[in-house]
Every structure is written in C-alpha cells, then in structure tokens.
Protein backbone atom coordinates (compact mmCIF):
# COMPACT_ATOMS: atom_id res chain seq x y z
CA MET A 1 3.75 -23.64 32.24
CA THR A 2 1.99 -20.32 31.62
CA ASN A 3 -1.76 -19.92 31.82
CA ASP A 4 -2.15 -18.10 28.52
CA ILE A 5 -1.58 -21.00 26.11
CA CYS A 6 -3.44 -24.27 25.58
CA GLU A 7 -1.87 -27.31 27.18
CA ILE A 8 -3.21 -29.59 24.43
CA THR A 9 -4.01 -29.16 20.74
CA CYS A 10 -7.75 -29.10 20.17
CA LEU A 11 -9.36 -27.73 17.00
CA HIS A 12 -12.91 -26.42 16.98
CA GLU A 13 -13.81 -26.82 13.29
CA ASP A 14 -17.03 -24.78 13.46
CA ARG A 15 -15.27 -21.82 15.10
CA ILE A 16 -12.38 -22.04 12.65
CA GLU A 17 -14.69 -22.04 9.60
CA GLN A 18 -16.76 -19.16 10.98
CA ALA A 19 -13.63 -17.03 11.58
CA LYS A 20 -12.15 -17.91 8.17
CA ALA A 21 -15.42 -17.01 6.42
CA LYS A 22 -15.45 -13.62 8.12
CA LEU A 23 -11.81 -12.99 7.16
CA THR A 24 -12.40 -13.81 3.49
CA LYS A 25 -15.13 -11.14 3.36
CA THR A 26 -12.81 -8.43 4.72
CA ASN A 27 -9.89 -6.70 3.05
CA THR A 28 -7.59 -6.96 6.04
CA LEU A 29 -4.63 -5.60 4.06
CA ASP A 30 -6.38 -2.26 3.48
CA VAL A 31 -7.38 -2.05 7.13
CA SER A 32 -3.82 -2.89 8.16
CA LEU A 33 -2.49 -0.10 5.90
CA LEU A 34 -4.93 2.35 7.47
CA PHE A 35 -3.72 1.50 10.96
CA LYS A 36 -0.09 1.79 9.84
CA VAL A 37 -0.83 5.33 8.64
CA LEU A 38 -2.56 6.13 11.93
CA ALA A 39 0.30 4.61 13.93
CA ASP A 40 2.51 7.60 13.16
CA GLU A 41 2.07 10.13 15.98
CA ASN A 42 2.45 13.19 13.74
CA ARG A 43 -0.16 11.95 11.28
CA LEU A 44 -2.50 11.20 14.18
CA LYS A 45 -1.94 14.71 15.55
CA ILE A 46 -2.62 16.21 12.12
CA LEU A 47 -5.92 14.36 11.79
CA TYR A 48 -6.99 15.20 15.32
CA ALA A 49 -6.12 18.88 14.82
CA LEU A 50 -8.03 18.98 11.54
CA GLY A 51 -10.97 17.28 13.22
CA SER A 52 -11.18 20.06 15.77
CA ARG A 53 -10.70 22.96 13.33
CA ASN A 54 -12.04 21.69 9.96
CA ASP A 55 -9.38 23.33 7.74
CA LEU A 56 -5.82 24.44 8.34
CA CYS A 57 -2.98 25.51 6.07
CA VAL A 58 0.26 23.54 5.97
CA CYS A 59 2.14 26.22 7.92
CA ASP A 60 -0.43 26.14 10.74
CA ILE A 61 -0.36 22.35 10.89
CA ALA A 62 3.45 22.33 11.01
CA ASN A 63 3.33 24.75 13.93
CA ILE A 64 0.71 22.69 15.76
CA ILE A 65 2.69 19.45 15.52
CA ASP A 66 6.06 21.19 15.98
CA ALA A 67 7.50 19.92 12.69
CA THR A 68 8.95 21.43 9.55
CA VAL A 69 6.69 22.39 6.68
CA ALA A 70 8.45 19.83 4.47
CA ASN A 71 7.90 17.02 6.98
CA THR A 72 4.30 18.08 7.52
CA SER A 73 3.67 18.18 3.76
CA HIS A 74 5.02 14.64 3.46
CA HIS A 75 2.61 13.43 6.18
CA LEU A 76 -0.28 15.27 4.53
CA GLN A 77 0.46 13.61 1.18
CA THR A 78 0.38 10.20 2.89
CA LEU A 79 -2.97 11.05 4.48
CA LYS A 80 -4.26 12.33 1.15
CA LYS A 81 -3.27 9.09 -0.63
CA MET A 82 -5.32 7.20 1.97
CA LYS A 83 -8.24 9.58 1.26
CA LEU A 84 -8.35 10.71 4.88
CA VAL A 85 -7.73 14.37 4.04
CA ASP A 86 -8.18 16.57 1.02
CA SER A 87 -6.97 20.05 0.17
CA LYS A 88 -8.02 23.27 -1.48
CA LYS A 89 -5.83 26.10 -2.68
CA ILE A 90 -6.91 29.64 -1.84
CA GLY A 91 -4.53 32.16 -3.31
CA LYS A 92 -1.04 31.04 -2.36
CA LEU A 93 -2.15 28.94 0.61
CA VAL A 94 -3.13 25.27 0.63
CA TYR A 95 -5.72 24.32 3.22
CA TYR A 96 -6.27 20.74 4.33
CA TYR A 97 -9.45 19.28 5.76
CA ILE A 98 -10.79 15.90 6.84
CA SER A 99 -12.38 14.09 3.91
CA ASN A 100 -13.57 11.09 5.94
CA SER A 101 -15.04 12.04 9.31
CA THR A 102 -15.17 8.41 10.40
CA VAL A 103 -11.42 8.58 11.05
CA ILE A 104 -12.02 11.19 13.78
CA HIS A 105 -14.45 8.82 15.48
CA LEU A 106 -11.81 6.10 15.25
CA ILE A 107 -9.22 8.35 16.90
CA GLU A 108 -11.66 9.43 19.62
CA THR A 109 -12.51 5.78 20.24
CA GLY A 110 -8.79 5.02 20.60
CA ILE A 111 -8.42 7.85 23.11
CA LYS A 112 -11.41 6.56 25.10
CA VAL A 113 -10.10 2.99 25.07
CA LYS A 114 -6.74 4.19 26.41
CA GLU A 115 -8.38 6.38 29.07
CA ASP A 116 -10.59 3.48 30.19
CA ALA A 117 -7.58 1.15 30.37
CA ASN A 118 -5.71 3.68 32.52
CA HIS A 119 -8.60 3.79 35.00
CA GLU A 120 -8.70 0.03 35.51
C-alpha cells in the first residue's frame, strides 16, 4: 500500500466545514479560467514581455514570441477579454499594455516557485 493515501476513512467535520465555508466565499470558476488563460505558453510570454516593456504593438509581440500576427492577435483578444491587457490605437498601430499589474506578480511568483523547486 502506498504512503500517500489514508488506510482508513476518517472524517474531520470541523475541518470539512471550515474548508467548505472558504470555498463558498470564493469564485473558484473565475480563478480556474484565469489559470487556464495563463497556462498557454504564448499568452504567458506576451504578458511577461508586456510587463517588462509596458506597451508593445502586435507586430513587436509576434516577433518576440515567434508567432504570426494573426495568432498573436488571437492571444491578445483572449487576454483582453480576461481584462489582463488593454490596447490603444496610435495612427495605424495598436499598442497593448498590462491593465492589471497583479498578473505580473503572479507570473514572477510562478517563476520563483519553479526556481526554488529546481534548487531542492
């Protein structure tokens, strides 16, 4: 038998109720959708690039992530729907920028977690 599962069924009612109460106060579906958006490597690269530069046009972003402009535009629209980026048009160019800086902290935290795990 493995060591990572209980050998008997034992319910801790107080712990269960506390965890359920916390879950009912949180919109876990929205958080799950956010992480699904961030799970795409190109979208993560786009956000990280925008976090280091503040604003970039679609053509620049496509070059940075080594993707087509069409594919990059699709990713940017997904990020815009999630309110993670916004855009402004200057002349014939559309520039994107981070609209929620907390997402950059989330990405940097993920990088740190991974680096720490690699050093253990």
